[in-house]
């Protein structure tokens, strides 16, 4: 779903242009705190009802655990952390990805950002959202039997930018990252080598493709990451076929 360009997004693009090297993946002092404490463990065989259910962790800004149709506790499923765009909530990823999750047999954990977007995009540091994501992942793994080898992170717009950062900093947790229309790269200390799926509309008027994915993708590839890059004839959106391909990639080919 399209949203109006935020002042942060516009300022970030201007800053990137001024620096001349906006998507360099390492610098002297990356922002602290991108590491999660959550670690995947052997599947617990937990029972849960299919469909969306509140996380019950955050009050008014909470989130959703989505259990795919036909879930059986004795058959561990992939788990995807799904991150919404600026000014959004968990409703966006559930709307975009819920039907796909059912088709693929993938569980989704979809937290709401604590503020209007993810904290590292607003401040350049990881804190309250990182902590809430940690708790959300732990809760999901306690409620659903999760395949610890098939945990990924997906996101749209600001959520895609944040997903790239979390994926690079936690490649020992997330085996793959799918970023739909990301804006830029947040510097983090990399751990592991997750695979990447990135998509972007060629007519995106919110985060223009030339300033965003067409710079992000070469920077990731230059840093040694494997990237499946898809451009499509569209705006700031996630077409159904792109959503399917991205979630399948993030779930390890589910």
C-alpha atoms as a PDB file:
ATOM      1  CA  UNK A   1       0.000   0.000   0.000  1.00  0.00           C
ATOM      2  CA  UNK A   2       1.425   3.385  -0.987  1.00  0.00           C
ATOM      3  CA  UNK A   3       2.125   6.042   1.593  1.00  0.00           C
ATOM      4  CA  UNK A   4       3.209   9.659   1.334  1.00  0.00           C
ATOM      5  CA  UNK A   5       6.954  10.156   1.453  1.00  0.00           C
ATOM      6  CA  UNK A   6       8.044  10.963   4.983  1.00  0.00           C
ATOM      7  CA  UNK A   7      10.432  13.759   5.833  1.00  0.00           C
ATOM      8  CA  UNK A   8      12.883  11.068   6.956  1.00  0.00           C
ATOM      9  CA  UNK A   9      12.698   9.290   3.618  1.00  0.00           C
ATOM     10  CA  UNK A  10      13.207  12.520   1.682  1.00  0.00           C
ATOM     11  CA  UNK A  11      16.034  13.651   3.961  1.00  0.00           C
ATOM     12  CA  UNK A  12      17.674  10.241   3.688  1.00  0.00           C
ATOM     13  CA  UNK A  13      17.702  10.421  -0.090  1.00  0.00           C
ATOM     14  CA  UNK A  14      19.168  13.923  -0.022  1.00  0.00           C
ATOM     15  CA  UNK A  15      21.835  12.858   2.462  1.00  0.00           C
ATOM     16  CA  UNK A  16      22.676   9.799   0.387  1.00  0.00           C
ATOM     17  CA  UNK A  17      23.109  11.943  -2.697  1.00  0.00           C
ATOM     18  CA  UNK A  18      25.259  14.473  -0.861  1.00  0.00           C
ATOM     19  CA  UNK A  19      27.576  11.816   0.556  1.00  0.00           C
ATOM     20  CA  UNK A  20      28.112  10.297  -2.872  1.00  0.00           C
ATOM     21  CA  UNK A  21      28.345   6.753  -1.453  1.00  0.00           C
ATOM     22  CA  UNK A  22      24.976   6.204   0.201  1.00  0.00           C
ATOM     23  CA  UNK A  23      24.967   2.442   0.223  1.00  0.00           C
ATOM     24  CA  UNK A  24      28.414   1.572   1.556  1.00  0.00           C
ATOM     25  CA  UNK A  25      27.839  -1.392   3.852  1.00  0.00           C
ATOM     26  CA  UNK A  26      30.544  -0.771   6.433  1.00  0.00           C
ATOM     27  CA  UNK A  27      31.835   2.300   8.175  1.00  0.00           C
ATOM     28  CA  UNK A  28      33.932   3.079  11.194  1.00  0.00           C
ATOM     29  CA  UNK A  29      31.158   2.990  13.793  1.00  0.00           C
ATOM     30  CA  UNK A  30      27.932   1.242  12.713  1.00  0.00           C
ATOM     31  CA  UNK A  31      24.859   1.998  14.863  1.00  0.00           C
ATOM     32  CA  UNK A  32      24.846  -0.238  17.952  1.00  0.00           C
ATOM     33  CA  UNK A  33      22.341  -2.808  18.955  1.00  0.00           C
ATOM     34  CA  UNK A  34      21.109  -4.475  15.742  1.00  0.00           C
ATOM     35  CA  UNK A  35      21.720  -7.957  17.196  1.00  0.00           C
ATOM     36  CA  UNK A  36      18.740  -9.942  18.432  1.00  0.00           C
ATOM     37  CA  UNK A  37      18.879 -12.220  21.467  1.00  0.00           C
ATOM     38  CA  UNK A  38      16.326 -14.641  19.951  1.00  0.00           C
ATOM     39  CA  UNK A  39      17.867 -17.883  18.761  1.00  0.00           C
ATOM     40  CA  UNK A  40      15.960 -20.606  16.891  1.00  0.00           C
ATOM     41  CA  UNK A  41      15.648 -23.883  18.761  1.00  0.00           C
ATOM     42  CA  UNK A  42      14.350 -27.326  17.930  1.00  0.00           C
ATOM     43  CA  UNK A  43      10.639 -27.353  17.099  1.00  0.00           C
ATOM     44  CA  UNK A  44       8.527 -27.645  20.250  1.00  0.00           C
ATOM     45  CA  UNK A  45       5.387 -29.157  18.729  1.00  0.00           C
ATOM     46  CA  UNK A  46       3.278 -26.310  20.120  1.00  0.00           C
ATOM     47  CA  UNK A  47      -0.408 -26.231  19.262  1.00  0.00           C
ATOM     48  CA  UNK A  48      -2.123 -23.130  17.873  1.00  0.00           C
ATOM     49  CA  UNK A  49      -5.303 -22.302  16.010  1.00  0.00           C
ATOM     50  CA  UNK A  50      -5.005 -21.352  12.342  1.00  0.00           C
ATOM     51  CA  UNK A  51      -5.477 -17.729  11.344  1.00  0.00           C
ATOM     52  CA  UNK A  52      -4.521 -14.361  12.876  1.00  0.00           C
ATOM     53  CA  UNK A  53      -4.222 -13.894  16.625  1.00  0.00           C
ATOM     54  CA  UNK A  54      -2.955 -10.908  18.637  1.00  0.00           C
ATOM     55  CA  UNK A  55       0.526 -11.105  20.073  1.00  0.00           C
ATOM     56  CA  UNK A  56      -0.720  -9.658  23.360  1.00  0.00           C
ATOM     57  CA  UNK A  57       2.592  -7.954  24.062  1.00  0.00           C
ATOM     58  CA  UNK A  58       2.175  -4.287  23.250  1.00  0.00           C
ATOM     59  CA  UNK A  59      -1.193  -2.824  24.147  1.00  0.00           C
ATOM     60  CA  UNK A  60      -2.516  -0.441  21.503  1.00  0.00           C
ATOM     61  CA  UNK A  61       0.540  -0.999  19.261  1.00  0.00           C
ATOM     62  CA  UNK A  62       0.795  -4.769  19.345  1.00  0.00           C
ATOM     63  CA  UNK A  63       0.909  -7.076  16.347  1.00  0.00           C
ATOM     64  CA  UNK A  64      -0.300 -10.388  14.989  1.00  0.00           C
ATOM     65  CA  UNK A  65       0.803 -13.997  14.862  1.00  0.00           C
ATOM     66  CA  UNK A  66      -0.573 -15.593  11.703  1.00  0.00           C
ATOM     67  CA  UNK A  67      -0.791 -19.381  11.717  1.00  0.00           C
ATOM     68  CA  UNK A  68      -1.302 -20.896   8.252  1.00  0.00           C
ATOM     69  CA  UNK A  69      -4.384 -22.871   7.317  1.00  0.00           C
ATOM     70  CA  UNK A  70      -3.889 -26.606   7.864  1.00  0.00           C
ATOM     71  CA  UNK A  71      -1.147 -26.138  10.482  1.00  0.00           C
ATOM     72  CA  UNK A  72      -0.278 -29.350  12.362  1.00  0.00           C
ATOM     73  CA  UNK A  73       1.962 -29.219  15.453  1.00  0.00           C
ATOM     74  CA  UNK A  74       3.880 -32.333  14.423  1.00  0.00           C
ATOM     75  CA  UNK A  75       4.920 -30.675  11.144  1.00  0.00           C
ATOM     76  CA  UNK A  76       7.238 -27.693  11.845  1.00  0.00           C
ATOM     77  CA  UNK A  77       6.656 -24.695   9.578  1.00  0.00           C
ATOM     78  CA  UNK A  78       8.857 -21.837   8.358  1.00  0.00           C
ATOM     79  CA  UNK A  79       8.517 -18.602  10.349  1.00  0.00           C
ATOM     80  CA  UNK A  80       8.742 -15.180   8.731  1.00  0.00           C
ATOM     81  CA  UNK A  81       9.093 -11.892  10.587  1.00  0.00           C
ATOM     82  CA  UNK A  82       7.047  -9.402   8.513  1.00  0.00           C
ATOM     83  CA  UNK A  83       7.587  -5.644   8.874  1.00  0.00           C
ATOM     84  CA  UNK A  84       5.163  -2.919   7.751  1.00  0.00           C
ATOM     85  CA  UNK A  85       5.930   0.430   6.095  1.00  0.00           C
ATOM     86  CA  UNK A  86       5.989   3.928   7.598  1.00  0.00           C
ATOM     87  CA  UNK A  87       2.803   5.018   9.429  1.00  0.00           C
ATOM     88  CA  UNK A  88       1.517   1.465   9.008  1.00  0.00           C
ATOM     89  CA  UNK A  89       0.710  -1.458  11.268  1.00  0.00           C
ATOM     90  CA  UNK A  90       0.482  -5.234  11.222  1.00  0.00           C
ATOM     91  CA  UNK A  91      -2.704  -4.950   9.134  1.00  0.00           C
ATOM     92  CA  UNK A  92      -0.628  -4.219   6.008  1.00  0.00           C
ATOM     93  CA  UNK A  93       1.523  -7.373   6.010  1.00  0.00           C
ATOM     94  CA  UNK A  94      -1.456  -9.524   7.015  1.00  0.00           C
ATOM     95  CA  UNK A  95      -3.416  -8.171   4.058  1.00  0.00           C
ATOM     96  CA  UNK A  96      -0.515  -8.578   1.617  1.00  0.00           C
ATOM     97  CA  UNK A  97       0.942 -11.835   2.887  1.00  0.00           C
ATOM     98  CA  UNK A  98      -1.783 -13.754   4.752  1.00  0.00           C
ATOM     99  CA  UNK A  99      -3.224 -15.551   1.694  1.00  0.00           C
ATOM    100  CA  UNK A 100       0.304 -16.331   0.462  1.00  0.00           C
ATOM    101  CA  UNK A 101       1.261 -17.683   3.890  1.00  0.00           C
ATOM    102  CA  UNK A 102      -1.702 -20.068   3.715  1.00  0.00           C
ATOM    103  CA  UNK A 103      -0.665 -21.270   0.262  1.00  0.00           C
ATOM    104  CA  UNK A 104       2.946 -21.822   1.327  1.00  0.00           C
ATOM    105  CA  UNK A 105       2.250 -23.168   4.828  1.00  0.00           C
ATOM    106  CA  UNK A 106       4.284 -20.408   6.467  1.00  0.00           C
ATOM    107  CA  UNK A 107       3.700 -18.752   9.859  1.00  0.00           C
ATOM    108  CA  UNK A 108       4.032 -14.972  10.123  1.00  0.00           C
ATOM    109  CA  UNK A 109       4.933 -12.885  13.145  1.00  0.00           C
ATOM    110  CA  UNK A 110       3.950  -9.287  12.405  1.00  0.00           C
ATOM    111  CA  UNK A 111       4.818  -6.732  15.116  1.00  0.00           C
ATOM    112  CA  UNK A 112       3.772  -3.085  15.100  1.00  0.00           C
ATOM    113  CA  UNK A 113       6.578  -0.537  15.297  1.00  0.00           C
ATOM    114  CA  UNK A 114       6.601   1.362  18.584  1.00  0.00           C
ATOM    115  CA  UNK A 115       6.374   4.743  16.816  1.00  0.00           C
ATOM    116  CA  UNK A 116       5.237   5.817  13.341  1.00  0.00           C
ATOM    117  CA  UNK A 117       8.070   3.813  11.794  1.00  0.00           C
ATOM    118  CA  UNK A 118      11.008   1.676  12.912  1.00  0.00           C
ATOM    119  CA  UNK A 119      13.324   3.294  15.443  1.00  0.00           C
ATOM    120  CA  UNK A 120      16.589   2.818  13.520  1.00  0.00           C
ATOM    121  CA  UNK A 121      15.102   4.708  10.570  1.00  0.00           C
ATOM    122  CA  UNK A 122      14.084   7.604  12.783  1.00  0.00           C
ATOM    123  CA  UNK A 123      17.221   7.751  14.952  1.00  0.00           C
ATOM    124  CA  UNK A 124      19.868   5.527  13.340  1.00  0.00           C
ATOM    125  CA  UNK A 125      19.952   3.261  16.410  1.00  0.00           C
ATOM    126  CA  UNK A 126      18.250   0.017  17.409  1.00  0.00           C
ATOM    127  CA  UNK A 127      16.374  -0.083  20.709  1.00  0.00           C
ATOM    128  CA  UNK A 128      12.649  -0.394  21.423  1.00  0.00           C
ATOM    129  CA  UNK A 129      11.647  -2.026  18.139  1.00  0.00           C
ATOM    130  CA  UNK A 130      14.535  -4.475  18.288  1.00  0.00           C
ATOM    131  CA  UNK A 131      13.439  -5.465  21.804  1.00  0.00           C
ATOM    132  CA  UNK A 132       9.791  -5.850  20.769  1.00  0.00           C
ATOM    133  CA  UNK A 133      10.785  -7.941  17.756  1.00  0.00           C
ATOM    134  CA  UNK A 134      12.879 -10.165  20.045  1.00  0.00           C
ATOM    135  CA  UNK A 135       9.868 -10.761  22.292  1.00  0.00           C
ATOM    136  CA  UNK A 136       7.581 -11.322  19.295  1.00  0.00           C
ATOM    137  CA  UNK A 137       9.854 -13.962  17.777  1.00  0.00           C
ATOM    138  CA  UNK A 138      10.181 -15.775  21.115  1.00  0.00           C
ATOM    139  CA  UNK A 139       6.399 -15.773  21.547  1.00  0.00           C
ATOM    140  CA  UNK A 140       5.837 -17.087  18.023  1.00  0.00           C
ATOM    141  CA  UNK A 141       8.321 -19.911  18.549  1.00  0.00           C
ATOM    142  CA  UNK A 142       6.559 -20.824  21.796  1.00  0.00           C
ATOM    143  CA  UNK A 143       3.106 -20.936  20.188  1.00  0.00           C
ATOM    144  CA  UNK A 144       3.945 -22.578  16.869  1.00  0.00           C
ATOM    145  CA  UNK A 145       6.162 -25.496  15.926  1.00  0.00           C
ATOM    146  CA  UNK A 146       8.835 -23.679  13.913  1.00  0.00           C
ATOM    147  CA  UNK A 147      11.497 -25.145  11.646  1.00  0.00           C
ATOM    148  CA  UNK A 148      14.632 -23.433  13.061  1.00  0.00           C
ATOM    149  CA  UNK A 149      16.426 -23.773   9.705  1.00  0.00           C
ATOM    150  CA  UNK A 150      13.733 -21.803   7.857  1.00  0.00           C
ATOM    151  CA  UNK A 151      13.355 -18.465   9.584  1.00  0.00           C
ATOM    152  CA  UNK A 152      13.322 -15.328   7.424  1.00  0.00           C
ATOM    153  CA  UNK A 153      12.476 -11.636   7.537  1.00  0.00           C
ATOM    154  CA  UNK A 154      10.393  -9.706   5.013  1.00  0.00           C
ATOM    155  CA  UNK A 155       9.372  -6.061   4.841  1.00  0.00           C
ATOM    156  CA  UNK A 156       7.830  -3.350   2.699  1.00  0.00           C
ATOM    157  CA  UNK A 157       9.157   0.210   2.247  1.00  0.00           C
ATOM    158  CA  UNK A 158      10.552   1.341   5.640  1.00  0.00           C
ATOM    159  CA  UNK A 159       9.973  -2.229   6.787  1.00  0.00           C
ATOM    160  CA  UNK A 160      12.121  -3.436   3.885  1.00  0.00           C
ATOM    161  CA  UNK A 161      14.916  -1.051   4.877  1.00  0.00           C
ATOM    162  CA  UNK A 162      14.727  -2.347   8.448  1.00  0.00           C
ATOM    163  CA  UNK A 163      14.550  -5.969   7.265  1.00  0.00           C
ATOM    164  CA  UNK A 164      17.791  -5.577   5.310  1.00  0.00           C
ATOM    165  CA  UNK A 165      19.516  -4.250   8.434  1.00  0.00           C
ATOM    166  CA  UNK A 166      18.176  -6.963  10.759  1.00  0.00           C
ATOM    167  CA  UNK A 167      18.965  -9.667   8.218  1.00  0.00           C
ATOM    168  CA  UNK A 168      22.547  -8.559   7.753  1.00  0.00           C
ATOM    169  CA  UNK A 169      23.131  -8.224  11.507  1.00  0.00           C
ATOM    170  CA  UNK A 170      21.456 -11.555  12.311  1.00  0.00           C
ATOM    171  CA  UNK A 171      22.360 -13.883   9.476  1.00  0.00           C
ATOM    172  CA  UNK A 172      22.700 -16.679  12.029  1.00  0.00           C
ATOM    173  CA  UNK A 173      18.976 -16.309  12.778  1.00  0.00           C
ATOM    174  CA  UNK A 174      17.501 -15.342   9.396  1.00  0.00           C
ATOM    175  CA  UNK A 175      18.474 -17.563   6.495  1.00  0.00           C
ATOM    176  CA  UNK A 176      16.909 -15.153   3.994  1.00  0.00           C
ATOM    177  CA  UNK A 177      15.618 -11.582   3.619  1.00  0.00           C
ATOM    178  CA  UNK A 178      12.895 -10.347   1.254  1.00  0.00           C
ATOM    179  CA  UNK A 179      12.750  -6.567   0.872  1.00  0.00           C
ATOM    180  CA  UNK A 180       9.872  -5.087  -1.120  1.00  0.00           C
ATOM    181  CA  UNK A 181      10.671  -1.512  -2.273  1.00  0.00           C
ATOM    182  CA  UNK A 182      13.423  -0.637   0.244  1.00  0.00           C
ATOM    183  CA  UNK A 183      14.774   2.887   0.635  1.00  0.00           C
ATOM    184  CA  UNK A 184      18.401   2.597   1.717  1.00  0.00           C
ATOM    185  CA  UNK A 185      20.891   0.558   3.722  1.00  0.00           C
ATOM    186  CA  UNK A 186      21.419   1.113   7.449  1.00  0.00           C
ATOM    187  CA  UNK A 187      24.989   0.342   8.478  1.00  0.00           C
ATOM    188  CA  UNK A 188      25.285  -2.667  10.779  1.00  0.00           C
ATOM    189  CA  UNK A 189      27.994  -5.134  11.707  1.00  0.00           C
ATOM    190  CA  UNK A 190      27.254  -8.158   9.485  1.00  0.00           C
ATOM    191  CA  UNK A 191      26.864 -11.674  10.849  1.00  0.00           C
ATOM    192  CA  UNK A 192      26.372 -14.580   8.477  1.00  0.00           C
ATOM    193  CA  UNK A 193      25.348 -14.489   4.829  1.00  0.00           C
ATOM    194  CA  UNK A 194      21.563 -14.536   4.340  1.00  0.00           C
ATOM    195  CA  UNK A 195      20.188 -14.706   0.818  1.00  0.00           C
ATOM    196  CA  UNK A 196      18.292 -11.655  -0.465  1.00  0.00           C
ATOM    197  CA  UNK A 197      15.179 -11.149  -2.562  1.00  0.00           C
ATOM    198  CA  UNK A 198      14.551  -7.506  -3.518  1.00  0.00           C
ATOM    199  CA  UNK A 199      11.730  -6.093  -5.633  1.00  0.00           C
ATOM    200  CA  UNK A 200      10.905  -2.561  -6.759  1.00  0.00           C
ATOM    201  CA  UNK A 201       8.385  -0.893  -9.046  1.00  0.00           C
ATOM    202  CA  UNK A 202       9.911   1.021 -11.942  1.00  0.00           C
ATOM    203  CA  UNK A 203       7.395   3.853 -11.417  1.00  0.00           C
ATOM    204  CA  UNK A 204       7.719   4.112  -7.623  1.00  0.00           C
ATOM    205  CA  UNK A 205       6.965   7.754  -6.745  1.00  0.00           C
ATOM    206  CA  UNK A 206       7.636   7.310  -3.000  1.00  0.00           C
ATOM    207  CA  UNK A 207      11.064   5.672  -3.072  1.00  0.00           C
ATOM    208  CA  UNK A 208      12.344   6.099  -6.649  1.00  0.00           C
ATOM    209  CA  UNK A 209      14.008   2.974  -7.959  1.00  0.00           C
ATOM    210  CA  UNK A 210      17.094   4.763  -9.336  1.00  0.00           C
ATOM    211  CA  UNK A 211      17.968   6.219  -5.918  1.00  0.00           C
ATOM    212  CA  UNK A 212      17.007   3.092  -3.995  1.00  0.00           C
ATOM    213  CA  UNK A 213      17.083  -0.535  -5.170  1.00  0.00           C
ATOM    214  CA  UNK A 214      19.276   0.136  -8.197  1.00  0.00           C
ATOM    215  CA  UNK A 215      21.940   1.267  -5.725  1.00  0.00           C
ATOM    216  CA  UNK A 216      21.112  -1.113  -2.883  1.00  0.00           C
ATOM    217  CA  UNK A 217      21.358  -4.285  -4.980  1.00  0.00           C
ATOM    218  CA  UNK A 218      24.853  -3.653  -6.423  1.00  0.00           C
ATOM    219  CA  UNK A 219      26.093  -2.707  -2.957  1.00  0.00           C
ATOM    220  CA  UNK A 220      24.822  -5.963  -1.488  1.00  0.00           C
ATOM    221  CA  UNK A 221      26.296  -7.967  -4.350  1.00  0.00           C
ATOM    222  CA  UNK A 222      29.637  -6.186  -4.007  1.00  0.00           C
ATOM    223  CA  UNK A 223      29.619  -7.188  -0.327  1.00  0.00           C
ATOM    224  CA  UNK A 224      29.225 -10.855  -1.304  1.00  0.00           C
ATOM    225  CA  UNK A 225      25.499 -11.395  -0.804  1.00  0.00           C
ATOM    226  CA  UNK A 226      23.419 -13.415  -3.240  1.00  0.00           C
ATOM    227  CA  UNK A 227      20.519 -11.266  -4.485  1.00  0.00           C
ATOM    228  CA  UNK A 228      17.455 -12.259  -6.504  1.00  0.00           C
ATOM    229  CA  UNK A 229      16.353  -8.865  -7.856  1.00  0.00           C
ATOM    230  CA  UNK A 230      12.956  -8.296  -9.486  1.00  0.00           C
ATOM    231  CA  UNK A 231      11.866  -5.038 -11.104  1.00  0.00           C
ATOM    232  CA  UNK A 232       8.211  -4.759 -12.113  1.00  0.00           C
ATOM    233  CA  UNK A 233       6.044  -2.290 -13.998  1.00  0.00           C
ATOM    234  CA  UNK A 234       4.329  -0.606 -11.061  1.00  0.00           C
ATOM    235  CA  UNK A 235       4.397   1.924  -8.249  1.00  0.00           C
ATOM    236  CA  UNK A 236       5.056   1.644  -4.478  1.00  0.00           C
ATOM    237  CA  UNK A 237       3.311  -1.698  -4.059  1.00  0.00           C
ATOM    238  CA  UNK A 238       3.627  -5.464  -3.847  1.00  0.00           C
ATOM    239  CA  UNK A 239       1.971  -7.274  -6.759  1.00  0.00           C
ATOM    240  CA  UNK A 240       0.618 -10.720  -5.813  1.00  0.00           C
ATOM    241  CA  UNK A 241       3.166 -12.624  -7.920  1.00  0.00           C
ATOM    242  CA  UNK A 242       6.002 -10.649  -6.302  1.00  0.00           C
ATOM    243  CA  UNK A 243       4.590 -11.316  -2.822  1.00  0.00           C
ATOM    244  CA  UNK A 244       4.498 -15.043  -3.579  1.00  0.00           C
ATOM    245  CA  UNK A 245       8.057 -15.128  -4.918  1.00  0.00           C
ATOM    246  CA  UNK A 246       9.395 -13.058  -2.021  1.00  0.00           C
ATOM    247  CA  UNK A 247       7.786 -15.103   0.726  1.00  0.00           C
ATOM    248  CA  UNK A 248       8.809 -18.334  -0.927  1.00  0.00           C
ATOM    249  CA  UNK A 249      12.397 -17.106  -1.061  1.00  0.00           C
ATOM    250  CA  UNK A 250      12.392 -15.928   2.561  1.00  0.00           C
ATOM    251  CA  UNK A 251      11.002 -19.277   3.688  1.00  0.00           C
ATOM    252  CA  UNK A 252      13.747 -21.203   1.960  1.00  0.00           C
ATOM    253  CA  UNK A 253      11.727 -22.261  -1.044  1.00  0.00           C
ATOM    254  CA  UNK A 254       8.614 -23.330   0.859  1.00  0.00           C
END
